[in-house]
Every structure is written in structure tokens, then in C-alpha cells.
Amino acid sequence: MENLSNLKKEIFHFSAEYCPTEVSEQAENIYERLFRYNANSADVLHLLGGMAYQAARFDIAIKLIKKAIENDPTKEEFYHDLGVAYYE
């Protein structure tokens, strides 16, 4: 099983390198690997929501971040990111 911190680094590298609206095989690969890591983890759901946001898939971002909040309602950044996704 992959280390989540390595996946986080790859996600941030991906976000910095590509246009937010670009959907690529690399993004899909990261999604798949994150789900394999733990699809019910609040942190994983939040990361996936962030990737959906970066790809301008705001409806998907909202769903994923809401699920992250359901799984861990104590993280303030989840609520902030949900608000930002709704704003878009």
C-alpha cells in the first residue's frame, strides 16, 4: 500500500504543473491510487475534492468534501474548502 504523504506530494505537483481544467491520465491515475489507499478516509476524500475543484468539477468537489466532513467533522479546512467550492 502506498504512503499517503507521497500521494499528497504528487497531487500538489500535479496541481502546480497543469492547467486547472485539464483532465489527464495522470489525474485519473492519482484518483485510482487514492481510492485504493482508502476510499472512506476523510483526508483522502478531501484530497479528491481538491483535485475535482482544480479540474473545475465543482459539483463533484462539493460531494466529496461533504463526505469528508461526514467522516470527520472536526477539520475546519474541510468547511472552508466546501464554501469555496460552493462559491465557484
PDB file of N, CA and C in Angstrom:
ATOM      1  N   MET A   1       0.843  -1.189   0.000  1.00  0.00           N
ATOM      2  CA  MET A   1       0.000   0.000   0.000  1.00  0.00           C
ATOM      3  C   MET A   1       0.882   1.243   0.000  1.00  0.00           C
ATOM      4  N   GLU A   2       0.485   2.239  -0.768  1.00  0.00           N
ATOM      5  CA  GLU A   2       1.289   3.440  -0.907  1.00  0.00           C
ATOM      6  C   GLU A   2       1.197   4.328   0.326  1.00  0.00           C
ATOM      7  N   ASN A   3       2.195   5.146   0.495  1.00  0.00           N
ATOM      8  CA  ASN A   3       2.236   6.114   1.573  1.00  0.00           C
ATOM      9  C   ASN A   3       1.400   7.329   1.155  1.00  0.00           C
ATOM     10  N   LEU A   4       0.464   7.735   2.025  1.00  0.00           N
ATOM     11  CA  LEU A   4      -0.421   8.854   1.696  1.00  0.00           C
ATOM     12  C   LEU A   4       0.362  10.139   1.498  1.00  0.00           C
ATOM     13  N   SER A   5       1.424  10.360   2.251  1.00  0.00           N
ATOM     14  CA  SER A   5       2.178  11.610   2.085  1.00  0.00           C
ATOM     15  C   SER A   5       2.829  11.676   0.705  1.00  0.00           C
ATOM     16  N   ASN A   6       3.244  10.547   0.159  1.00  0.00           N
ATOM     17  CA  ASN A   6       3.790  10.545  -1.200  1.00  0.00           C
ATOM     18  C   ASN A   6       2.719  10.915  -2.217  1.00  0.00           C
ATOM     19  N   LEU A   7       1.514  10.416  -2.007  1.00  0.00           N
ATOM     20  CA  LEU A   7       0.415  10.760  -2.913  1.00  0.00           C
ATOM     21  C   LEU A   7       0.073  12.243  -2.797  1.00  0.00           C
ATOM     22  N   LYS A   8       0.107  12.785  -1.590  1.00  0.00           N
ATOM     23  CA  LYS A   8      -0.166  14.214  -1.416  1.00  0.00           C
ATOM     24  C   LYS A   8       0.846  15.047  -2.183  1.00  0.00           C
ATOM     25  N   LYS A   9       2.123  14.678  -2.093  1.00  0.00           N
ATOM     26  CA  LYS A   9       3.168  15.407  -2.816  1.00  0.00           C
ATOM     27  C   LYS A   9       2.910  15.353  -4.312  1.00  0.00           C
ATOM     28  N   GLU A  10       2.521  14.197  -4.799  1.00  0.00           N
ATOM     29  CA  GLU A  10       2.263  14.051  -6.230  1.00  0.00           C
ATOM     30  C   GLU A  10       1.065  14.894  -6.659  1.00  0.00           C
ATOM     31  N   ILE A  11       0.051  14.960  -5.819  1.00  0.00           N
ATOM     32  CA  ILE A  11      -1.124  15.770  -6.124  1.00  0.00           C
ATOM     33  C   ILE A  11      -0.742  17.245  -6.219  1.00  0.00           C
ATOM     34  N   PHE A  12       0.028  17.726  -5.243  1.00  0.00           N
ATOM     35  CA  PHE A  12       0.407  19.132  -5.268  1.00  0.00           C
ATOM     36  C   PHE A  12       1.295  19.439  -6.474  1.00  0.00           C
ATOM     37  N   HIS A  13       2.168  18.508  -6.835  1.00  0.00           N
ATOM     38  CA  HIS A  13       2.992  18.675  -8.030  1.00  0.00           C
ATOM     39  C   HIS A  13       2.090  18.746  -9.265  1.00  0.00           C
ATOM     40  N   PHE A  14       1.121  17.854  -9.317  1.00  0.00           N
ATOM     41  CA  PHE A  14       0.181  17.826 -10.443  1.00  0.00           C
ATOM     42  C   PHE A  14      -0.566  19.153 -10.532  1.00  0.00           C
ATOM     43  N   SER A  15      -1.054  19.659  -9.391  1.00  0.00           N
ATOM     44  CA  SER A  15      -1.826  20.899  -9.378  1.00  0.00           C
ATOM     45  C   SER A  15      -0.999  22.077  -9.878  1.00  0.00           C
ATOM     46  N   ALA A  16       0.271  22.116  -9.513  1.00  0.00           N
ATOM     47  CA  ALA A  16       1.133  23.220  -9.918  1.00  0.00           C
ATOM     48  C   ALA A  16       1.515  23.131 -11.388  1.00  0.00           C
ATOM     49  N   GLU A  17       1.587  21.934 -11.920  1.00  0.00           N
ATOM     50  CA  GLU A  17       2.088  21.725 -13.275  1.00  0.00           C
ATOM     51  C   GLU A  17       1.026  21.903 -14.350  1.00  0.00           C
ATOM     52  N   TYR A  18      -0.219  21.553 -14.059  1.00  0.00           N
ATOM     53  CA  TYR A  18      -1.253  21.512 -15.087  1.00  0.00           C
ATOM     54  C   TYR A  18      -2.294  22.608 -14.900  1.00  0.00           C
ATOM     55  N   CYS A  19      -2.879  22.975 -16.005  1.00  0.00           N
ATOM     56  CA  CYS A  19      -3.997  23.906 -16.007  1.00  0.00           C
ATOM     57  C   CYS A  19      -5.146  23.305 -15.197  1.00  0.00           C
ATOM     58  N   PRO A  20      -5.844  24.105 -14.376  1.00  0.00           N
ATOM     59  CA  PRO A  20      -6.910  23.551 -13.532  1.00  0.00           C
ATOM     60  C   PRO A  20      -8.009  22.803 -14.283  1.00  0.00           C
ATOM     61  N   THR A  21      -8.254  23.161 -15.524  1.00  0.00           N
ATOM     62  CA  THR A  21      -9.338  22.498 -16.257  1.00  0.00           C
ATOM     63  C   THR A  21      -8.875  21.292 -17.057  1.00  0.00           C
ATOM     64  N   GLU A  22      -7.573  21.022 -17.049  1.00  0.00           N
ATOM     65  CA  GLU A  22      -7.061  19.887 -17.823  1.00  0.00           C
ATOM     66  C   GLU A  22      -7.355  18.576 -17.104  1.00  0.00           C
ATOM     67  N   VAL A  23      -7.927  17.651 -17.832  1.00  0.00           N
ATOM     68  CA  VAL A  23      -8.160  16.314 -17.308  1.00  0.00           C
ATOM     69  C   VAL A  23      -7.186  15.396 -18.023  1.00  0.00           C
ATOM     70  N   SER A  24      -6.360  14.730 -17.271  1.00  0.00           N
ATOM     71  CA  SER A  24      -5.333  13.914 -17.901  1.00  0.00           C
ATOM     72  C   SER A  24      -5.325  12.509 -17.331  1.00  0.00           C
ATOM     73  N   GLU A  25      -4.586  11.656 -17.989  1.00  0.00           N
ATOM     74  CA  GLU A  25      -4.413  10.300 -17.484  1.00  0.00           C
ATOM     75  C   GLU A  25      -3.722  10.313 -16.126  1.00  0.00           C
ATOM     76  N   GLN A  26      -2.815  11.264 -15.934  1.00  0.00           N
ATOM     77  CA  GLN A  26      -2.113  11.346 -14.653  1.00  0.00           C
ATOM     78  C   GLN A  26      -3.101  11.622 -13.518  1.00  0.00           C
ATOM     79  N   ALA A  27      -4.046  12.513 -13.740  1.00  0.00           N
ATOM     80  CA  ALA A  27      -5.048  12.812 -12.714  1.00  0.00           C
ATOM     81  C   ALA A  27      -5.883  11.573 -12.420  1.00  0.00           C
ATOM     82  N   GLU A  28      -6.318  10.896 -13.448  1.00  0.00           N
ATOM     83  CA  GLU A  28      -7.127   9.700 -13.253  1.00  0.00           C
ATOM     84  C   GLU A  28      -6.346   8.629 -12.495  1.00  0.00           C
ATOM     85  N   ASN A  29      -5.059   8.513 -12.769  1.00  0.00           N
ATOM     86  CA  ASN A  29      -4.212   7.553 -12.072  1.00  0.00           C
ATOM     87  C   ASN A  29      -4.125   7.891 -10.590  1.00  0.00           C
ATOM     88  N   ILE A  30      -3.999   9.172 -10.276  1.00  0.00           N
ATOM     89  CA  ILE A  30      -3.920   9.586  -8.874  1.00  0.00           C
ATOM     90  C   ILE A  30      -5.238   9.282  -8.169  1.00  0.00           C
ATOM     91  N   TYR A  31      -6.366   9.565  -8.816  1.00  0.00           N
ATOM     92  CA  TYR A  31      -7.669   9.231  -8.238  1.00  0.00           C
ATOM     93  C   TYR A  31      -7.743   7.746  -7.888  1.00  0.00           C
ATOM     94  N   GLU A  32      -7.393   6.938  -8.854  1.00  0.00           N
ATOM     95  CA  GLU A  32      -7.473   5.483  -8.656  1.00  0.00           C
ATOM     96  C   GLU A  32      -6.598   5.032  -7.490  1.00  0.00           C
ATOM     97  N   ARG A  33      -5.386   5.548  -7.414  1.00  0.00           N
ATOM     98  CA  ARG A  33      -4.478   5.156  -6.337  1.00  0.00           C
ATOM     99  C   ARG A  33      -4.984   5.630  -4.977  1.00  0.00           C
ATOM    100  N   LEU A  34      -5.570   6.818  -4.928  1.00  0.00           N
ATOM    101  CA  LEU A  34      -6.121   7.307  -3.656  1.00  0.00           C
ATOM    102  C   LEU A  34      -7.276   6.438  -3.189  1.00  0.00           C
ATOM    103  N   PHE A  35      -8.151   6.059  -4.116  1.00  0.00           N
ATOM    104  CA  PHE A  35      -9.261   5.191  -3.728  1.00  0.00           C
ATOM    105  C   PHE A  35      -8.771   3.844  -3.238  1.00  0.00           C
ATOM    106  N   ARG A  36      -7.729   3.328  -3.877  1.00  0.00           N
ATOM    107  CA  ARG A  36      -7.163   2.068  -3.410  1.00  0.00           C
ATOM    108  C   ARG A  36      -6.586   2.224  -2.005  1.00  0.00           C
ATOM    109  N   TYR A  37      -6.028   3.397  -1.725  1.00  0.00           N
ATOM    110  CA  TYR A  37      -5.429   3.642  -0.411  1.00  0.00           C
ATOM    111  C   TYR A  37      -6.504   3.528   0.673  1.00  0.00           C
ATOM    112  N   ASN A  38      -7.574   4.288   0.532  1.00  0.00           N
ATOM    113  CA  ASN A  38      -8.672   4.228   1.498  1.00  0.00           C
ATOM    114  C   ASN A  38      -9.774   5.177   1.062  1.00  0.00           C
ATOM    115  N   ALA A  39     -10.776   4.655   0.405  1.00  0.00           N
ATOM    116  CA  ALA A  39     -11.847   5.477  -0.150  1.00  0.00           C
ATOM    117  C   ALA A  39     -12.708   6.139   0.919  1.00  0.00           C
ATOM    118  N   ASN A  40     -12.679   5.654   2.151  1.00  0.00           N
ATOM    119  CA  ASN A  40     -13.522   6.222   3.201  1.00  0.00           C
ATOM    120  C   ASN A  40     -12.774   7.169   4.138  1.00  0.00           C
ATOM    121  N   SER A  41     -11.504   7.379   3.897  1.00  0.00           N
ATOM    122  CA  SER A  41     -10.721   8.298   4.720  1.00  0.00           C
ATOM    123  C   SER A  41     -11.164   9.731   4.448  1.00  0.00           C
ATOM    124  N   ALA A  42     -11.412  10.487   5.505  1.00  0.00           N
ATOM    125  CA  ALA A  42     -11.799  11.886   5.341  1.00  0.00           C
ATOM    126  C   ALA A  42     -10.713  12.660   4.605  1.00  0.00           C
ATOM    127  N   ASP A  43      -9.455  12.384   4.915  1.00  0.00           N
ATOM    128  CA  ASP A  43      -8.356  13.084   4.249  1.00  0.00           C
ATOM    129  C   ASP A  43      -8.298  12.745   2.760  1.00  0.00           C
ATOM    130  N   VAL A  44      -8.497  11.486   2.427  1.00  0.00           N
ATOM    131  CA  VAL A  44      -8.486  11.087   1.020  1.00  0.00           C
ATOM    132  C   VAL A  44      -9.649  11.740   0.283  1.00  0.00           C
ATOM    133  N   LEU A  45     -10.830  11.722   0.875  1.00  0.00           N
ATOM    134  CA  LEU A  45     -11.987  12.351   0.242  1.00  0.00           C
ATOM    135  C   LEU A  45     -11.757  13.846   0.045  1.00  0.00           C
ATOM    136  N   HIS A  46     -11.151  14.477   1.037  1.00  0.00           N
ATOM    137  CA  HIS A  46     -10.841  15.902   0.937  1.00  0.00           C
ATOM    138  C   HIS A  46      -9.845  16.159  -0.193  1.00  0.00           C
ATOM    139  N   LEU A  47      -8.813  15.342  -0.289  1.00  0.00           N
ATOM    140  CA  LEU A  47      -7.845  15.481  -1.372  1.00  0.00           C
ATOM    141  C   LEU A  47      -8.499  15.300  -2.745  1.00  0.00           C
ATOM    142  N   LEU A  48      -9.356  14.308  -2.839  1.00  0.00           N
ATOM    143  CA  LEU A  48     -10.061  14.082  -4.103  1.00  0.00           C
ATOM    144  C   LEU A  48     -10.968  15.263  -4.430  1.00  0.00           C
ATOM    145  N   GLY A  49     -11.609  15.807  -3.411  1.00  0.00           N
ATOM    146  CA  GLY A  49     -12.433  17.002  -3.612  1.00  0.00           C
ATOM    147  C   GLY A  49     -11.596  18.166  -4.117  1.00  0.00           C
ATOM    148  N   GLY A  50     -10.397  18.299  -3.578  1.00  0.00           N
ATOM    149  CA  GLY A  50      -9.494  19.346  -4.036  1.00  0.00           C
ATOM    150  C   GLY A  50      -9.080  19.152  -5.476  1.00  0.00           C
ATOM    151  N   MET A  51      -8.839  17.912  -5.861  1.00  0.00           N
ATOM    152  CA  MET A  51      -8.492  17.631  -7.253  1.00  0.00           C
ATOM    153  C   MET A  51      -9.674  17.924  -8.172  1.00  0.00           C
ATOM    154  N   ALA A  52     -10.875  17.563  -7.737  1.00  0.00           N
ATOM    155  CA  ALA A  52     -12.053  17.861  -8.545  1.00  0.00           C
ATOM    156  C   ALA A  52     -12.220  19.373  -8.694  1.00  0.00           C
ATOM    157  N   TYR A  53     -11.971  20.107  -7.617  1.00  0.00           N
ATOM    158  CA  TYR A  53     -12.041  21.564  -7.665  1.00  0.00           C
ATOM    159  C   TYR A  53     -11.026  22.107  -8.674  1.00  0.00           C
ATOM    160  N   GLN A  54      -9.794  21.612  -8.620  1.00  0.00           N
ATOM    161  CA  GLN A  54      -8.751  22.059  -9.536  1.00  0.00           C
ATOM    162  C   GLN A  54      -9.130  21.796 -10.986  1.00  0.00           C
ATOM    163  N   ALA A  55      -9.902  20.744 -11.216  1.00  0.00           N
ATOM    164  CA  ALA A  55     -10.337  20.398 -12.574  1.00  0.00           C
ATOM    165  C   ALA A  55     -11.646  21.088 -12.947  1.00  0.00           C
ATOM    166  N   ALA A  56     -12.092  22.049 -12.108  1.00  0.00           N
ATOM    167  CA  ALA A  56     -13.338  22.786 -12.322  1.00  0.00           C
ATOM    168  C   ALA A  56     -14.561  21.874 -12.329  1.00  0.00           C
ATOM    169  N   ARG A  57     -14.490  20.790 -11.585  1.00  0.00           N
ATOM    170  CA  ARG A  57     -15.626  19.869 -11.416  1.00  0.00           C
ATOM    171  C   ARG A  57     -16.232  20.146 -10.033  1.00  0.00           C
ATOM    172  N   PHE A  58     -16.856  21.316  -9.929  1.00  0.00           N
ATOM    173  CA  PHE A  58     -17.281  21.812  -8.635  1.00  0.00           C
ATOM    174  C   PHE A  58     -18.368  20.957  -7.987  1.00  0.00           C
ATOM    175  N   ASP A  59     -19.269  20.397  -8.789  1.00  0.00           N
ATOM    176  CA  ASP A  59     -20.315  19.542  -8.229  1.00  0.00           C
ATOM    177  C   ASP A  59     -19.706  18.296  -7.579  1.00  0.00           C
ATOM    178  N   ILE A  60     -18.703  17.724  -8.215  1.00  0.00           N
ATOM    179  CA  ILE A  60     -18.025  16.552  -7.657  1.00  0.00           C
ATOM    180  C   ILE A  60     -17.227  16.960  -6.421  1.00  0.00           C
ATOM    181  N   ALA A  61     -16.563  18.105  -6.488  1.00  0.00           N
ATOM    182  CA  ALA A  61     -15.797  18.593  -5.340  1.00  0.00           C
ATOM    183  C   ALA A  61     -16.702  18.746  -4.127  1.00  0.00           C
ATOM    184  N   ILE A  62     -17.876  19.315  -4.319  1.00  0.00           N
ATOM    185  CA  ILE A  62     -18.821  19.522  -3.214  1.00  0.00           C
ATOM    186  C   ILE A  62     -19.235  18.181  -2.606  1.00  0.00           C
ATOM    187  N   LYS A  63     -19.556  17.217  -3.432  1.00  0.00           N
ATOM    188  CA  LYS A  63     -19.969  15.899  -2.926  1.00  0.00           C
ATOM    189  C   LYS A  63     -18.854  15.236  -2.119  1.00  0.00           C
ATOM    190  N   LEU A  64     -17.636  15.276  -2.643  1.00  0.00           N
ATOM    191  CA  LEU A  64     -16.516  14.631  -1.963  1.00  0.00           C
ATOM    192  C   LEU A  64     -16.174  15.324  -0.649  1.00  0.00           C
ATOM    193  N   ILE A  65     -16.174  16.650  -0.656  1.00  0.00           N
ATOM    194  CA  ILE A  65     -15.842  17.384   0.564  1.00  0.00           C
ATOM    195  C   ILE A  65     -16.945  17.206   1.607  1.00  0.00           C
ATOM    196  N   LYS A  66     -18.199  17.166   1.182  1.00  0.00           N
ATOM    197  CA  LYS A  66     -19.293  16.884   2.131  1.00  0.00           C
ATOM    198  C   LYS A  66     -19.100  15.509   2.782  1.00  0.00           C
ATOM    199  N   LYS A  67     -18.720  14.530   1.989  1.00  0.00           N
ATOM    200  CA  LYS A  67     -18.473  13.179   2.515  1.00  0.00           C
ATOM    201  C   LYS A  67     -17.296  13.203   3.489  1.00  0.00           C
ATOM    202  N   ALA A  68     -16.268  13.977   3.189  1.00  0.00           N
ATOM    203  CA  ALA A  68     -15.128  14.114   4.103  1.00  0.00           C
ATOM    204  C   ALA A  68     -15.593  14.700   5.433  1.00  0.00           C
ATOM    205  N   ILE A  69     -16.468  15.695   5.384  1.00  0.00           N
ATOM    206  CA  ILE A  69     -16.999  16.315   6.608  1.00  0.00           C
ATOM    207  C   ILE A  69     -17.830  15.316   7.397  1.00  0.00           C
ATOM    208  N   GLU A  70     -18.616  14.499   6.710  1.00  0.00           N
ATOM    209  CA  GLU A  70     -19.393  13.458   7.403  1.00  0.00           C
ATOM    210  C   GLU A  70     -18.468  12.507   8.153  1.00  0.00           C
ATOM    211  N   ASN A  71     -17.338  12.175   7.536  1.00  0.00           N
ATOM    212  CA  ASN A  71     -16.408  11.226   8.141  1.00  0.00           C
ATOM    213  C   ASN A  71     -15.551  11.849   9.238  1.00  0.00           C
ATOM    214  N   ASP A  72     -15.294  13.155   9.151  1.00  0.00           N
ATOM    215  CA  ASP A  72     -14.514  13.850  10.182  1.00  0.00           C
ATOM    216  C   ASP A  72     -14.960  15.305  10.245  1.00  0.00           C
ATOM    217  N   PRO A  73     -15.956  15.594  11.084  1.00  0.00           N
ATOM    218  CA  PRO A  73     -16.500  16.948  11.153  1.00  0.00           C
ATOM    219  C   PRO A  73     -15.651  17.932  11.968  1.00  0.00           C
ATOM    220  N   THR A  74     -14.457  17.517  12.395  1.00  0.00           N
ATOM    221  CA  THR A  74     -13.636  18.378  13.249  1.00  0.00           C
ATOM    222  C   THR A  74     -12.621  19.225  12.486  1.00  0.00           C
ATOM    223  N   LYS A  75     -12.481  19.022  11.201  1.00  0.00           N
ATOM    224  CA  LYS A  75     -11.432  19.729  10.446  1.00  0.00           C
ATOM    225  C   LYS A  75     -11.984  20.983   9.781  1.00  0.00           C
ATOM    226  N   GLU A  76     -11.535  22.117  10.284  1.00  0.00           N
ATOM    227  CA  GLU A  76     -12.025  23.408   9.799  1.00  0.00           C
ATOM    228  C   GLU A  76     -11.763  23.624   8.312  1.00  0.00           C
ATOM    229  N   GLU A  77     -10.612  23.145   7.816  1.00  0.00           N
ATOM    230  CA  GLU A  77     -10.281  23.388   6.411  1.00  0.00           C
ATOM    231  C   GLU A  77     -11.271  22.712   5.464  1.00  0.00           C
ATOM    232  N   PHE A  78     -11.905  21.640   5.916  1.00  0.00           N
ATOM    233  CA  PHE A  78     -12.913  20.984   5.082  1.00  0.00           C
ATOM    234  C   PHE A  78     -14.083  21.939   4.832  1.00  0.00           C
ATOM    235  N   TYR A  79     -14.531  22.627   5.882  1.00  0.00           N
ATOM    236  CA  TYR A  79     -15.649  23.562   5.760  1.00  0.00           C
ATOM    237  C   TYR A  79     -15.267  24.749   4.878  1.00  0.00           C
ATOM    238  N   HIS A  80     -14.055  25.223   5.046  1.00  0.00           N
ATOM    239  CA  HIS A  80     -13.572  26.327   4.212  1.00  0.00           C
ATOM    240  C   HIS A  80     -13.583  25.922   2.741  1.00  0.00           C
ATOM    241  N   ASP A  81     -13.021  24.760   2.452  1.00  0.00           N
ATOM    242  CA  ASP A  81     -12.944  24.307   1.064  1.00  0.00           C
ATOM    243  C   ASP A  81     -14.322  24.038   0.478  1.00  0.00           C
ATOM    244  N   LEU A  82     -15.246  23.568   1.310  1.00  0.00           N
ATOM    245  CA  LEU A  82     -16.622  23.367   0.844  1.00  0.00           C
ATOM    246  C   LEU A  82     -17.245  24.706   0.456  1.00  0.00           C
ATOM    247  N   GLY A  83     -17.028  25.708   1.276  1.00  0.00           N
ATOM    248  CA  GLY A  83     -17.539  27.036   0.966  1.00  0.00           C
ATOM    249  C   GLY A  83     -16.971  27.600  -0.333  1.00  0.00           C
ATOM    250  N   VAL A  84     -15.688  27.393  -0.541  1.00  0.00           N
ATOM    251  CA  VAL A  84     -15.036  27.850  -1.767  1.00  0.00           C
ATOM    252  C   VAL A  84     -15.606  27.125  -2.987  1.00  0.00           C
ATOM    253  N   ALA A  85     -15.829  25.817  -2.846  1.00  0.00           N
ATOM    254  CA  ALA A  85     -16.405  25.048  -3.958  1.00  0.00           C
ATOM    255  C   ALA A  85     -17.817  25.529  -4.269  1.00  0.00           C
ATOM    256  N   TYR A  86     -18.611  25.808  -3.231  1.00  0.00           N
ATOM    257  CA  TYR A  86     -19.956  26.337  -3.463  1.00  0.00           C
ATOM    258  C   TYR A  86     -19.884  27.703  -4.148  1.00  0.00           C
ATOM    259  N   TYR A  87     -18.933  28.520  -3.748  1.00  0.00           N
ATOM    260  CA  TYR A  87     -18.785  29.843  -4.338  1.00  0.00           C
ATOM    261  C   TYR A  87     -18.556  29.755  -5.845  1.00  0.00           C
ATOM    262  N   GLU A  88     -17.742  28.799  -6.255  1.00  0.00           N
ATOM    263  CA  GLU A  88     -17.453  28.626  -7.683  1.00  0.00           C
ATOM    264  C   GLU A  88     -18.682  28.138  -8.413  1.00  0.00           C
TER     265      GLU A  88
END
